[in-house]
Amino acid sequence: MDALVEHPSDALIVVDVQNDFCPGGALSVPGGHEVVPVANRLVERFDLIVLTQDWHPAGHSSFASSHAGRAPLERIEMPYGPQTLWPDHCIPGTVGAEFHRDLDTLKASLIVRKGRNPAVDSYSAFFENDKKTSTGLAGFLRDRGARRVVLVGLATDFCVMASSLDVLVVEDGVRGIDVAGSLARSWDTMAEAGVGRVRER
């Protein structure tokens, strides 16, 4: 696997490095905190940096607690397609929604808050899960002349994968939830889609 060689027209997207996805959080990703030093080193190397945050209102339709008799990690059908149900997480105003305290956020040009629509979940930094509603990120990157996007963050098998078409994923800068083999499937899906996979160094 090639090492990352960045270019002046590259943009770095740091996906959902929030307390709820780190150890002790409501939807803890194994080793989630380990992406922070990788992300911080990459932040030093890039000029155009975007941070994303899951930003779900209380009672969001993706929460298992919003569906009587359902448990986290069960799957249901929503009007926009299959939906994994999650524990309540990343609710604005909670500590869990905040960025990990060690993440360097000072150079960020933009913070994209996704999943704000209570009826539609949003994994990708670019589109909500209905595949129609844009976050506005693509236009922002176009306006700033970004020609390539590099990703780090959480979780590999959901938000990173959904954001990954036409980008490079830094393998040592992401971690996955791994629901019944979802991590391996996500790497396979990204590879089949032609997503680049590199290491930080």
N, C-alpha and C. Protein backbone atom coordinates (compact mmCIF):
# COMPACT_ATOMS: atom_id res chain seq x y z
N MET A 1 0.84 -1.19 0.00
CA MET A 1 0.00 0.00 0.00
C MET A 1 0.88 1.24 0.00
N ASP A 2 0.51 2.21 -0.83
CA ASP A 2 1.30 3.43 -0.95
C ASP A 2 1.13 4.31 0.29
N ALA A 3 2.18 5.11 0.55
CA ALA A 3 2.08 6.14 1.58
C ALA A 3 1.44 7.38 0.98
N LEU A 4 0.80 8.16 1.81
CA LEU A 4 0.13 9.36 1.35
C LEU A 4 1.13 10.43 0.95
N VAL A 5 0.97 10.95 -0.26
CA VAL A 5 1.73 12.12 -0.71
C VAL A 5 0.69 13.19 -0.99
N GLU A 6 0.67 14.23 -0.16
CA GLU A 6 -0.37 15.25 -0.32
C GLU A 6 0.05 16.29 -1.36
N HIS A 7 -0.95 16.97 -1.91
CA HIS A 7 -0.75 18.00 -2.92
C HIS A 7 -1.44 19.27 -2.45
N PRO A 8 -1.01 20.44 -2.92
CA PRO A 8 -1.61 21.69 -2.46
C PRO A 8 -3.11 21.78 -2.70
N SER A 9 -3.63 21.06 -3.71
CA SER A 9 -5.06 21.15 -4.00
C SER A 9 -5.88 20.09 -3.25
N ASP A 10 -5.25 19.35 -2.35
CA ASP A 10 -5.96 18.33 -1.58
C ASP A 10 -6.74 18.96 -0.44
N ALA A 11 -7.83 18.28 -0.06
CA ALA A 11 -8.58 18.64 1.14
C ALA A 11 -8.58 17.45 2.08
N LEU A 12 -8.43 17.72 3.37
CA LEU A 12 -8.50 16.68 4.39
C LEU A 12 -9.86 16.78 5.07
N ILE A 13 -10.59 15.66 5.13
CA ILE A 13 -11.85 15.61 5.87
C ILE A 13 -11.65 14.69 7.07
N VAL A 14 -11.88 15.24 8.25
CA VAL A 14 -11.79 14.49 9.49
C VAL A 14 -13.23 14.16 9.90
N VAL A 15 -13.59 12.87 9.82
CA VAL A 15 -14.98 12.44 9.96
C VAL A 15 -15.30 12.05 11.41
N ASP A 16 -16.19 12.79 12.04
CA ASP A 16 -16.88 12.40 13.27
C ASP A 16 -15.97 11.92 14.41
N VAL A 17 -14.89 12.63 14.64
CA VAL A 17 -14.02 12.26 15.78
C VAL A 17 -14.60 12.93 17.03
N GLN A 18 -15.67 12.31 17.51
CA GLN A 18 -16.47 12.85 18.60
C GLN A 18 -16.45 11.90 19.79
N ASN A 19 -16.72 12.44 20.96
CA ASN A 19 -16.64 11.65 22.19
C ASN A 19 -17.53 10.41 22.17
N ASP A 20 -18.71 10.50 21.58
CA ASP A 20 -19.60 9.34 21.57
C ASP A 20 -19.06 8.18 20.76
N PHE A 21 -18.11 8.44 19.86
CA PHE A 21 -17.51 7.36 19.06
C PHE A 21 -16.18 6.89 19.63
N CYS A 22 -15.75 7.45 20.73
CA CYS A 22 -14.49 7.08 21.37
C CYS A 22 -14.78 6.27 22.62
N PRO A 23 -13.77 5.59 23.20
CA PRO A 23 -14.01 4.77 24.38
C PRO A 23 -14.78 5.52 25.47
N GLY A 24 -15.81 4.85 25.99
CA GLY A 24 -16.67 5.45 26.99
C GLY A 24 -17.87 6.17 26.42
N GLY A 25 -17.92 6.33 25.10
CA GLY A 25 -19.03 7.03 24.45
C GLY A 25 -20.21 6.12 24.22
N ALA A 26 -21.32 6.72 23.83
CA ALA A 26 -22.58 5.99 23.64
C ALA A 26 -22.50 4.97 22.51
N LEU A 27 -21.66 5.23 21.50
CA LEU A 27 -21.49 4.34 20.35
C LEU A 27 -19.99 4.17 20.12
N SER A 28 -19.33 3.67 21.14
CA SER A 28 -17.87 3.58 21.15
C SER A 28 -17.35 2.67 20.03
N VAL A 29 -16.44 3.21 19.24
CA VAL A 29 -15.76 2.45 18.19
C VAL A 29 -14.46 1.91 18.79
N PRO A 30 -14.23 0.60 18.72
CA PRO A 30 -12.99 0.06 19.29
C PRO A 30 -11.76 0.79 18.73
N GLY A 31 -10.94 1.32 19.63
CA GLY A 31 -9.75 2.05 19.22
C GLY A 31 -10.04 3.40 18.60
N GLY A 32 -11.26 3.92 18.76
CA GLY A 32 -11.62 5.18 18.12
C GLY A 32 -10.67 6.32 18.45
N HIS A 33 -10.22 6.39 19.68
CA HIS A 33 -9.31 7.46 20.10
C HIS A 33 -7.97 7.39 19.40
N GLU A 34 -7.63 6.22 18.86
CA GLU A 34 -6.32 6.04 18.22
C GLU A 34 -6.20 6.81 16.91
N VAL A 35 -7.31 7.26 16.34
CA VAL A 35 -7.23 8.03 15.10
C VAL A 35 -6.82 9.48 15.36
N VAL A 36 -6.93 9.94 16.61
CA VAL A 36 -6.68 11.35 16.92
C VAL A 36 -5.25 11.78 16.58
N PRO A 37 -4.21 11.05 17.03
CA PRO A 37 -2.85 11.49 16.67
C PRO A 37 -2.58 11.47 15.17
N VAL A 38 -3.16 10.49 14.48
CA VAL A 38 -3.00 10.43 13.01
C VAL A 38 -3.65 11.66 12.39
N ALA A 39 -4.89 11.95 12.81
CA ALA A 39 -5.59 13.12 12.28
C ALA A 39 -4.81 14.39 12.55
N ASN A 40 -4.28 14.53 13.75
CA ASN A 40 -3.54 15.75 14.11
C ASN A 40 -2.28 15.92 13.27
N ARG A 41 -1.58 14.82 13.02
CA ARG A 41 -0.39 14.92 12.16
C ARG A 41 -0.77 15.33 10.75
N LEU A 42 -1.89 14.80 10.24
CA LEU A 42 -2.34 15.17 8.90
C LEU A 42 -2.81 16.61 8.85
N VAL A 43 -3.47 17.08 9.90
CA VAL A 43 -3.91 18.47 9.95
C VAL A 43 -2.72 19.41 9.75
N GLU A 44 -1.58 19.06 10.27
CA GLU A 44 -0.38 19.89 10.10
C GLU A 44 0.08 19.94 8.65
N ARG A 45 -0.26 18.94 7.86
CA ARG A 45 0.23 18.82 6.49
C ARG A 45 -0.70 19.40 5.44
N PHE A 46 -1.95 19.71 5.81
CA PHE A 46 -2.94 20.17 4.85
C PHE A 46 -3.32 21.62 5.12
N ASP A 47 -3.70 22.32 4.05
CA ASP A 47 -4.18 23.70 4.18
C ASP A 47 -5.70 23.77 4.26
N LEU A 48 -6.38 22.89 3.54
CA LEU A 48 -7.84 22.89 3.50
C LEU A 48 -8.35 21.71 4.32
N ILE A 49 -8.98 22.02 5.45
CA ILE A 49 -9.40 20.98 6.39
C ILE A 49 -10.88 21.18 6.71
N VAL A 50 -11.63 20.07 6.63
CA VAL A 50 -13.05 20.06 6.97
C VAL A 50 -13.25 19.03 8.09
N LEU A 51 -14.01 19.41 9.10
CA LEU A 51 -14.39 18.49 10.16
C LEU A 51 -15.87 18.18 10.02
N THR A 52 -16.26 16.93 10.27
CA THR A 52 -17.68 16.62 10.30
C THR A 52 -18.07 16.17 11.71
N GLN A 53 -19.34 16.41 12.02
CA GLN A 53 -19.92 15.96 13.28
C GLN A 53 -21.28 15.34 13.01
N ASP A 54 -21.52 14.15 13.59
CA ASP A 54 -22.89 13.67 13.71
C ASP A 54 -23.61 14.66 14.62
N TRP A 55 -24.84 15.01 14.28
CA TRP A 55 -25.52 16.10 15.01
C TRP A 55 -27.02 15.78 15.02
N HIS A 56 -27.39 14.79 15.85
CA HIS A 56 -28.74 14.25 15.83
C HIS A 56 -29.63 14.88 16.90
N PRO A 57 -30.79 15.38 16.52
CA PRO A 57 -31.73 15.84 17.55
C PRO A 57 -32.21 14.66 18.40
N ALA A 58 -32.56 14.94 19.65
CA ALA A 58 -33.14 13.90 20.50
C ALA A 58 -34.34 13.29 19.80
N GLY A 59 -34.49 11.97 19.92
CA GLY A 59 -35.60 11.28 19.27
C GLY A 59 -35.38 11.01 17.79
N HIS A 60 -34.15 11.11 17.33
CA HIS A 60 -33.86 10.88 15.90
C HIS A 60 -34.35 9.50 15.46
N SER A 61 -34.82 9.41 14.23
CA SER A 61 -35.39 8.16 13.72
C SER A 61 -34.37 7.03 13.61
N SER A 62 -33.08 7.34 13.65
CA SER A 62 -32.06 6.29 13.60
C SER A 62 -31.77 5.70 14.97
N PHE A 63 -32.35 6.25 16.03
CA PHE A 63 -32.12 5.75 17.38
C PHE A 63 -33.06 4.59 17.66
N ALA A 64 -32.54 3.51 18.20
CA ALA A 64 -33.37 2.37 18.58
C ALA A 64 -34.45 2.80 19.56
N SER A 65 -34.12 3.76 20.43
CA SER A 65 -35.09 4.22 21.44
C SER A 65 -36.32 4.87 20.82
N SER A 66 -36.25 5.23 19.53
CA SER A 66 -37.40 5.84 18.85
C SER A 66 -38.35 4.81 18.26
N HIS A 67 -38.01 3.52 18.41
CA HIS A 67 -38.80 2.44 17.82
C HIS A 67 -39.10 1.41 18.90
N ALA A 68 -40.35 1.34 19.33
CA ALA A 68 -40.74 0.43 20.42
C ALA A 68 -40.33 -1.00 20.12
N GLY A 69 -39.69 -1.61 21.10
CA GLY A 69 -39.31 -3.02 20.99
C GLY A 69 -38.06 -3.28 20.17
N ARG A 70 -37.40 -2.23 19.71
CA ARG A 70 -36.19 -2.40 18.89
C ARG A 70 -34.94 -2.16 19.72
N ALA A 71 -33.85 -2.80 19.31
CA ALA A 71 -32.59 -2.68 20.03
C ALA A 71 -31.51 -2.12 19.11
N PRO A 72 -30.49 -1.48 19.68
CA PRO A 72 -29.38 -1.00 18.86
C PRO A 72 -28.78 -2.13 18.02
N LEU A 73 -28.39 -1.77 16.82
CA LEU A 73 -27.77 -2.61 15.80
C LEU A 73 -28.78 -3.46 15.03
N GLU A 74 -30.07 -3.43 15.39
CA GLU A 74 -31.08 -4.04 14.53
C GLU A 74 -31.22 -3.19 13.28
N ARG A 75 -31.72 -3.82 12.21
CA ARG A 75 -31.94 -3.09 10.96
C ARG A 75 -33.43 -3.03 10.67
N ILE A 76 -33.86 -1.88 10.17
CA ILE A 76 -35.25 -1.69 9.76
C ILE A 76 -35.26 -1.04 8.38
N GLU A 77 -36.41 -1.01 7.78
CA GLU A 77 -36.58 -0.30 6.51
C GLU A 77 -37.14 1.09 6.80
N MET A 78 -36.52 2.08 6.21
CA MET A 78 -36.99 3.46 6.28
C MET A 78 -37.40 3.86 4.86
N PRO A 79 -38.11 4.97 4.69
CA PRO A 79 -38.51 5.38 3.33
C PRO A 79 -37.33 5.52 2.37
N TYR A 80 -36.14 5.80 2.89
CA TYR A 80 -34.96 5.96 2.04
C TYR A 80 -34.12 4.69 1.94
N GLY A 81 -34.55 3.60 2.59
CA GLY A 81 -33.82 2.34 2.48
C GLY A 81 -33.51 1.73 3.84
N PRO A 82 -32.62 0.71 3.86
CA PRO A 82 -32.29 0.04 5.10
C PRO A 82 -31.60 0.99 6.08
N GLN A 83 -31.92 0.82 7.36
CA GLN A 83 -31.35 1.68 8.40
C GLN A 83 -30.94 0.82 9.59
N THR A 84 -29.67 0.92 9.98
CA THR A 84 -29.22 0.32 11.23
C THR A 84 -29.67 1.24 12.36
N LEU A 85 -30.20 0.67 13.42
CA LEU A 85 -30.62 1.45 14.57
C LEU A 85 -29.46 1.57 15.55
N TRP A 86 -29.31 2.76 16.11
CA TRP A 86 -28.16 3.07 16.95
C TRP A 86 -28.61 3.45 18.36
N PRO A 87 -27.69 3.33 19.33
CA PRO A 87 -27.98 3.96 20.62
C PRO A 87 -28.07 5.47 20.42
N ASP A 88 -28.79 6.16 21.30
CA ASP A 88 -28.82 7.62 21.23
C ASP A 88 -27.39 8.14 21.30
N HIS A 89 -27.02 9.00 20.35
CA HIS A 89 -25.63 9.49 20.33
C HIS A 89 -25.56 10.84 19.62
N CYS A 90 -24.50 11.58 19.93
CA CYS A 90 -24.17 12.84 19.26
C CYS A 90 -25.35 13.80 19.22
N ILE A 91 -25.99 13.97 20.37
CA ILE A 91 -27.11 14.90 20.50
C ILE A 91 -26.54 16.27 20.86
N PRO A 92 -26.84 17.31 20.08
CA PRO A 92 -26.29 18.64 20.36
C PRO A 92 -26.51 19.03 21.83
N GLY A 93 -25.47 19.64 22.39
CA GLY A 93 -25.54 20.07 23.78
C GLY A 93 -25.03 19.04 24.77
N THR A 94 -24.70 17.82 24.26
CA THR A 94 -24.14 16.80 25.14
C THR A 94 -22.63 16.70 24.93
N VAL A 95 -21.95 16.18 25.94
CA VAL A 95 -20.50 15.96 25.83
C VAL A 95 -20.19 14.99 24.70
N GLY A 96 -21.08 14.01 24.49
CA GLY A 96 -20.85 13.03 23.45
C GLY A 96 -20.78 13.61 22.05
N ALA A 97 -21.47 14.72 21.82
CA ALA A 97 -21.46 15.35 20.49
C ALA A 97 -20.20 16.17 20.24
N GLU A 98 -19.47 16.49 21.29
CA GLU A 98 -18.28 17.33 21.15
C GLU A 98 -17.13 16.54 20.50
N PHE A 99 -16.24 17.27 19.85
CA PHE A 99 -15.03 16.64 19.32
C PHE A 99 -14.19 16.09 20.46
N HIS A 100 -13.43 15.04 20.18
CA HIS A 100 -12.48 14.52 21.16
C HIS A 100 -11.57 15.66 21.61
N ARG A 101 -11.33 15.74 22.89
CA ARG A 101 -10.61 16.90 23.45
C ARG A 101 -9.21 17.09 22.88
N ASP A 102 -8.58 16.02 22.39
CA ASP A 102 -7.22 16.13 21.86
C ASP A 102 -7.17 16.40 20.36
N LEU A 103 -8.31 16.42 19.69
CA LEU A 103 -8.32 16.68 18.25
C LEU A 103 -8.02 18.14 17.97
N ASP A 104 -7.08 18.39 17.06
CA ASP A 104 -6.73 19.75 16.67
C ASP A 104 -7.78 20.28 15.70
N THR A 105 -8.61 21.19 16.18
CA THR A 105 -9.70 21.74 15.36
C THR A 105 -9.41 23.17 14.88
N LEU A 106 -8.29 23.74 15.28
CA LEU A 106 -8.05 25.17 15.05
C LEU A 106 -7.89 25.54 13.58
N LYS A 107 -7.39 24.62 12.74
CA LYS A 107 -7.15 24.94 11.34
C LYS A 107 -8.36 24.64 10.44
N ALA A 108 -9.43 24.16 11.02
CA ALA A 108 -10.59 23.78 10.20
C ALA A 108 -11.17 24.98 9.48
N SER A 109 -11.41 24.80 8.18
CA SER A 109 -12.07 25.84 7.38
C SER A 109 -13.58 25.73 7.48
N LEU A 110 -14.08 24.53 7.78
CA LEU A 110 -15.52 24.28 7.80
C LEU A 110 -15.82 23.12 8.73
N ILE A 111 -16.95 23.21 9.45
CA ILE A 111 -17.49 22.09 10.20
C ILE A 111 -18.85 21.75 9.58
N VAL A 112 -19.00 20.51 9.13
CA VAL A 112 -20.24 20.03 8.55
C VAL A 112 -20.96 19.20 9.61
N ARG A 113 -22.15 19.64 9.98
CA ARG A 113 -22.96 18.90 10.96
C ARG A 113 -24.04 18.15 10.21
N LYS A 114 -24.01 16.84 10.32
CA LYS A 114 -24.88 15.99 9.51
C LYS A 114 -25.82 15.16 10.39
N GLY A 115 -26.92 14.72 9.80
CA GLY A 115 -27.91 13.96 10.55
C GLY A 115 -28.85 14.82 11.36
N ARG A 116 -28.98 16.09 10.97
CA ARG A 116 -29.84 17.02 11.73
C ARG A 116 -31.32 16.82 11.42
N ASN A 117 -31.63 16.24 10.27
CA ASN A 117 -33.03 15.97 9.92
C ASN A 117 -33.50 14.78 10.77
N PRO A 118 -34.51 14.95 11.62
CA PRO A 118 -34.91 13.87 12.52
C PRO A 118 -35.45 12.64 11.80
N ALA A 119 -35.79 12.76 10.53
CA ALA A 119 -36.38 11.64 9.79
C ALA A 119 -35.40 10.91 8.89
N VAL A 120 -34.18 11.44 8.73
CA VAL A 120 -33.21 10.84 7.80
C VAL A 120 -31.84 10.80 8.47
N ASP A 121 -31.22 9.63 8.46
CA ASP A 121 -29.86 9.54 8.99
C ASP A 121 -28.89 10.06 7.95
N SER A 122 -27.66 10.31 8.35
CA SER A 122 -26.66 10.84 7.43
C SER A 122 -25.30 10.30 7.81
N TYR A 123 -24.77 9.40 6.99
CA TYR A 123 -23.42 8.87 7.22
C TYR A 123 -22.38 9.70 6.46
N SER A 124 -22.67 9.95 5.18
CA SER A 124 -21.70 10.60 4.32
C SER A 124 -21.52 12.07 4.68
N ALA A 125 -20.30 12.56 4.48
CA ALA A 125 -20.03 13.99 4.64
C ALA A 125 -20.66 14.80 3.52
N PHE A 126 -21.09 14.12 2.45
CA PHE A 126 -21.58 14.80 1.26
C PHE A 126 -23.11 14.75 1.09
N PHE A 127 -23.75 13.65 1.48
CA PHE A 127 -25.19 13.49 1.30
C PHE A 127 -25.80 12.80 2.51
N GLU A 128 -27.06 13.15 2.78
CA GLU A 128 -27.82 12.39 3.76
C GLU A 128 -28.14 11.02 3.15
N ASN A 129 -28.62 10.10 3.98
CA ASN A 129 -28.84 8.73 3.51
C ASN A 129 -29.94 8.59 2.47
N ASP A 130 -30.70 9.65 2.23
CA ASP A 130 -31.67 9.59 1.13
C ASP A 130 -30.99 9.72 -0.22
N LYS A 131 -29.68 10.01 -0.21
CA LYS A 131 -28.86 10.15 -1.43
C LYS A 131 -29.27 11.32 -2.30
N LYS A 132 -30.13 12.21 -1.77
CA LYS A 132 -30.59 13.37 -2.51
C LYS A 132 -30.22 14.67 -1.83
N THR A 133 -30.26 14.69 -0.51
CA THR A 133 -30.06 15.92 0.25
C THR A 133 -28.58 16.16 0.48
N SER A 134 -28.07 17.20 -0.12
CA SER A 134 -26.64 17.52 -0.03
C SER A 134 -26.33 18.25 1.27
N THR A 135 -25.15 17.99 1.80
CA THR A 135 -24.67 18.76 2.96
C THR A 135 -24.07 20.09 2.55
N GLY A 136 -23.82 20.27 1.25
CA GLY A 136 -23.16 21.48 0.76
C GLY A 136 -21.66 21.36 0.68
N LEU A 137 -21.10 20.24 1.15
CA LEU A 137 -19.65 20.10 1.20
C LEU A 137 -19.02 20.05 -0.19
N ALA A 138 -19.66 19.37 -1.13
CA ALA A 138 -19.07 19.27 -2.47
C ALA A 138 -18.90 20.65 -3.09
N GLY A 139 -19.90 21.51 -2.96
CA GLY A 139 -19.80 22.87 -3.50
C GLY A 139 -18.72 23.67 -2.81
N PHE A 140 -18.61 23.52 -1.50
CA PHE A 140 -17.57 24.21 -0.74
C PHE A 140 -16.18 23.82 -1.25
N LEU A 141 -15.97 22.52 -1.44
CA LEU A 141 -14.66 22.05 -1.91
C LEU A 141 -14.38 22.51 -3.34
N ARG A 142 -15.40 22.47 -4.20
CA ARG A 142 -15.24 22.94 -5.57
C ARG A 142 -14.84 24.41 -5.59
N ASP A 143 -15.54 25.21 -4.78
CA ASP A 143 -15.27 26.65 -4.75
C ASP A 143 -13.86 26.96 -4.29
N ARG A 144 -13.27 26.07 -3.53
CA ARG A 144 -11.91 26.29 -3.03
C ARG A 144 -10.86 25.56 -3.84
N GLY A 145 -11.28 24.98 -4.96
CA GLY A 145 -10.33 24.37 -5.89
C GLY A 145 -9.79 23.04 -5.46
N ALA A 146 -10.45 22.36 -4.54
CA ALA A 146 -9.98 21.04 -4.11
C ALA A 146 -10.13 20.05 -5.25
N ARG A 147 -9.08 19.30 -5.51
CA ARG A 147 -9.12 18.33 -6.59
C ARG A 147 -9.13 16.90 -6.09
N ARG A 148 -8.72 16.71 -4.84
CA ARG A 148 -8.72 15.37 -4.25
C ARG A 148 -9.05 15.51 -2.77
N VAL A 149 -9.74 14.51 -2.24
CA VAL A 149 -10.14 14.50 -0.84
C VAL A 149 -9.50 13.32 -0.14
N VAL A 150 -8.98 13.55 1.05
CA VAL A 150 -8.37 12.52 1.87
C VAL A 150 -9.18 12.43 3.16
N LEU A 151 -9.48 11.18 3.59
CA LEU A 151 -10.33 10.97 4.76
C LEU A 151 -9.60 10.30 5.90
N VAL A 152 -9.90 10.76 7.11
CA VAL A 152 -9.59 10.04 8.35
C VAL A 152 -10.81 10.16 9.25
N GLY A 153 -10.92 9.30 10.26
CA GLY A 153 -12.01 9.48 11.21
C GLY A 153 -12.75 8.21 11.54
N LEU A 154 -14.03 8.37 11.91
CA LEU A 154 -14.84 7.29 12.46
C LEU A 154 -16.23 7.29 11.83
N ALA A 155 -16.82 6.17 11.63
CA ALA A 155 -16.29 4.84 11.71
C ALA A 155 -16.07 4.31 10.29
N THR A 156 -15.02 3.53 10.12
CA THR A 156 -14.64 3.06 8.79
C THR A 156 -15.81 2.47 8.03
N ASP A 157 -16.58 1.61 8.72
CA ASP A 157 -17.60 0.83 8.04
C ASP A 157 -18.95 1.53 7.90
N PHE A 158 -19.04 2.77 8.32
CA PHE A 158 -20.28 3.53 8.14
C PHE A 158 -19.99 4.91 7.56
N CYS A 159 -19.67 5.89 8.37
CA CYS A 159 -19.54 7.27 7.88
C CYS A 159 -18.33 7.46 6.97
N VAL A 160 -17.21 6.80 7.28
CA VAL A 160 -16.04 6.93 6.40
C VAL A 160 -16.34 6.29 5.05
N MET A 161 -16.89 5.07 5.07
CA MET A 161 -17.19 4.40 3.81
C MET A 161 -18.17 5.21 2.97
N ALA A 162 -19.22 5.73 3.61
CA ALA A 162 -20.23 6.48 2.86
C ALA A 162 -19.66 7.75 2.25
N SER A 163 -18.62 8.30 2.85
CA SER A 163 -18.00 9.54 2.36
C SER A 163 -16.90 9.28 1.33
N SER A 164 -16.60 8.01 1.09
CA SER A 164 -15.32 7.67 0.48
C SER A 164 -15.24 7.65 -1.03
N LEU A 165 -16.36 7.71 -1.76
CA LEU A 165 -16.23 7.63 -3.21
C LEU A 165 -15.39 8.79 -3.73
N ASP A 166 -14.43 8.48 -4.58
CA ASP A 166 -13.53 9.46 -5.17
C ASP A 166 -12.62 10.14 -4.14
N VAL A 167 -12.32 9.45 -3.08
CA VAL A 167 -11.39 10.00 -2.09
C VAL A 167 -10.35 8.95 -1.74
N LEU A 168 -9.35 9.36 -0.95
CA LEU A 168 -8.37 8.44 -0.38
C LEU A 168 -8.68 8.26 1.09
N VAL A 169 -8.71 7.01 1.54
CA VAL A 169 -8.91 6.72 2.95
C VAL A 169 -7.57 6.36 3.57
N VAL A 170 -7.17 7.05 4.63
CA VAL A 170 -5.92 6.77 5.34
C VAL A 170 -6.21 5.64 6.32
N GLU A 171 -5.73 4.43 5.99
CA GLU A 171 -6.11 3.23 6.73
C GLU A 171 -5.79 3.31 8.22
N ASP A 172 -4.62 3.84 8.59
CA ASP A 172 -4.28 3.89 10.01
C ASP A 172 -4.96 5.05 10.72
N GLY A 173 -5.74 5.85 10.00
CA GLY A 173 -6.45 6.97 10.60
C GLY A 173 -7.94 6.75 10.72
N VAL A 174 -8.40 5.49 10.56
CA VAL A 174 -9.82 5.17 10.72
C VAL A 174 -9.96 3.91 11.57
N ARG A 175 -11.11 3.75 12.20
CA ARG A 175 -11.45 2.55 12.96
C ARG A 175 -12.92 2.24 12.70
N GLY A 176 -13.30 0.95 12.80
CA GLY A 176 -14.66 0.56 12.50
C GLY A 176 -15.41 -0.01 13.68
N ILE A 177 -16.73 -0.06 13.56
CA ILE A 177 -17.60 -0.65 14.58
C ILE A 177 -17.60 -2.17 14.45
N ASP A 178 -17.64 -2.69 13.23
CA ASP A 178 -17.62 -4.11 12.90
C ASP A 178 -18.84 -4.85 13.42
N VAL A 179 -19.98 -4.55 12.83
CA VAL A 179 -21.23 -5.24 13.14
C VAL A 179 -21.36 -6.43 12.20
N ALA A 180 -21.16 -7.62 12.72
CA ALA A 180 -21.34 -8.86 11.95
C ALA A 180 -20.57 -8.84 10.62
N GLY A 181 -19.30 -8.45 10.67
CA GLY A 181 -18.47 -8.46 9.47
C GLY A 181 -18.55 -7.20 8.63
N SER A 182 -19.19 -6.15 9.15
CA SER A 182 -19.37 -4.93 8.34
C SER A 182 -18.05 -4.26 7.99
N LEU A 183 -17.03 -4.42 8.82
CA LEU A 183 -15.74 -3.77 8.55
C LEU A 183 -15.09 -4.36 7.30
N ALA A 184 -15.00 -5.67 7.24
CA ALA A 184 -14.41 -6.32 6.05
C ALA A 184 -15.23 -6.00 4.81
N ARG A 185 -16.57 -6.05 4.94
CA ARG A 185 -17.42 -5.73 3.79
C ARG A 185 -17.22 -4.30 3.32
N SER A 186 -17.01 -3.38 4.27
CA SER A 186 -16.84 -1.98 3.87
C SER A 186 -15.55 -1.79 3.09
N TRP A 187 -14.46 -2.44 3.55
CA TRP A 187 -13.21 -2.33 2.79
C TRP A 187 -13.38 -2.92 1.39
N ASP A 188 -14.09 -4.05 1.28
CA ASP A 188 -14.34 -4.65 -0.03
C ASP A 188 -15.17 -3.72 -0.91
N THR A 189 -16.21 -3.12 -0.34
CA THR A 189 -17.07 -2.21 -1.10
C THR A 189 -16.28 -1.01 -1.60
N MET A 190 -15.45 -0.43 -0.71
CA MET A 190 -14.64 0.71 -1.12
C MET A 190 -13.65 0.33 -2.22
N ALA A 191 -13.03 -0.85 -2.10
CA ALA A 191 -12.08 -1.30 -3.12
C ALA A 191 -12.78 -1.50 -4.46
N GLU A 192 -13.96 -2.12 -4.43
CA GLU A 192 -14.72 -2.34 -5.67
C GLU A 192 -15.13 -1.02 -6.32
N ALA A 193 -15.32 0.01 -5.50
CA ALA A 193 -15.71 1.32 -6.03
C ALA A 193 -14.50 2.13 -6.50
N GLY A 194 -13.31 1.57 -6.32
CA GLY A 194 -12.11 2.27 -6.76
C GLY A 194 -11.58 3.29 -5.77
N VAL A 195 -12.00 3.18 -4.51
CA VAL A 195 -11.52 4.11 -3.49
C VAL A 195 -10.06 3.82 -3.18
N GLY A 196 -9.25 4.88 -3.13
CA GLY A 196 -7.84 4.73 -2.79
C GLY A 196 -7.67 4.47 -1.31
N ARG A 197 -6.70 3.61 -0.98
CA ARG A 197 -6.42 3.26 0.42
C ARG A 197 -4.93 3.45 0.64
N VAL A 198 -4.57 4.35 1.54
CA VAL A 198 -3.16 4.66 1.78
C VAL A 198 -2.89 4.63 3.28
N ARG A 199 -1.60 4.65 3.62
CA ARG A 199 -1.18 4.80 5.02
C ARG A 199 -0.64 6.22 5.21
N GLU A 200 -0.66 6.68 6.45
CA GLU A 200 -0.23 8.05 6.73
C GLU A 200 1.19 8.29 6.25
N ARG A 201 2.08 7.36 6.50
CA ARG A 201 3.49 7.52 6.12
C ARG A 201 3.98 6.29 5.38
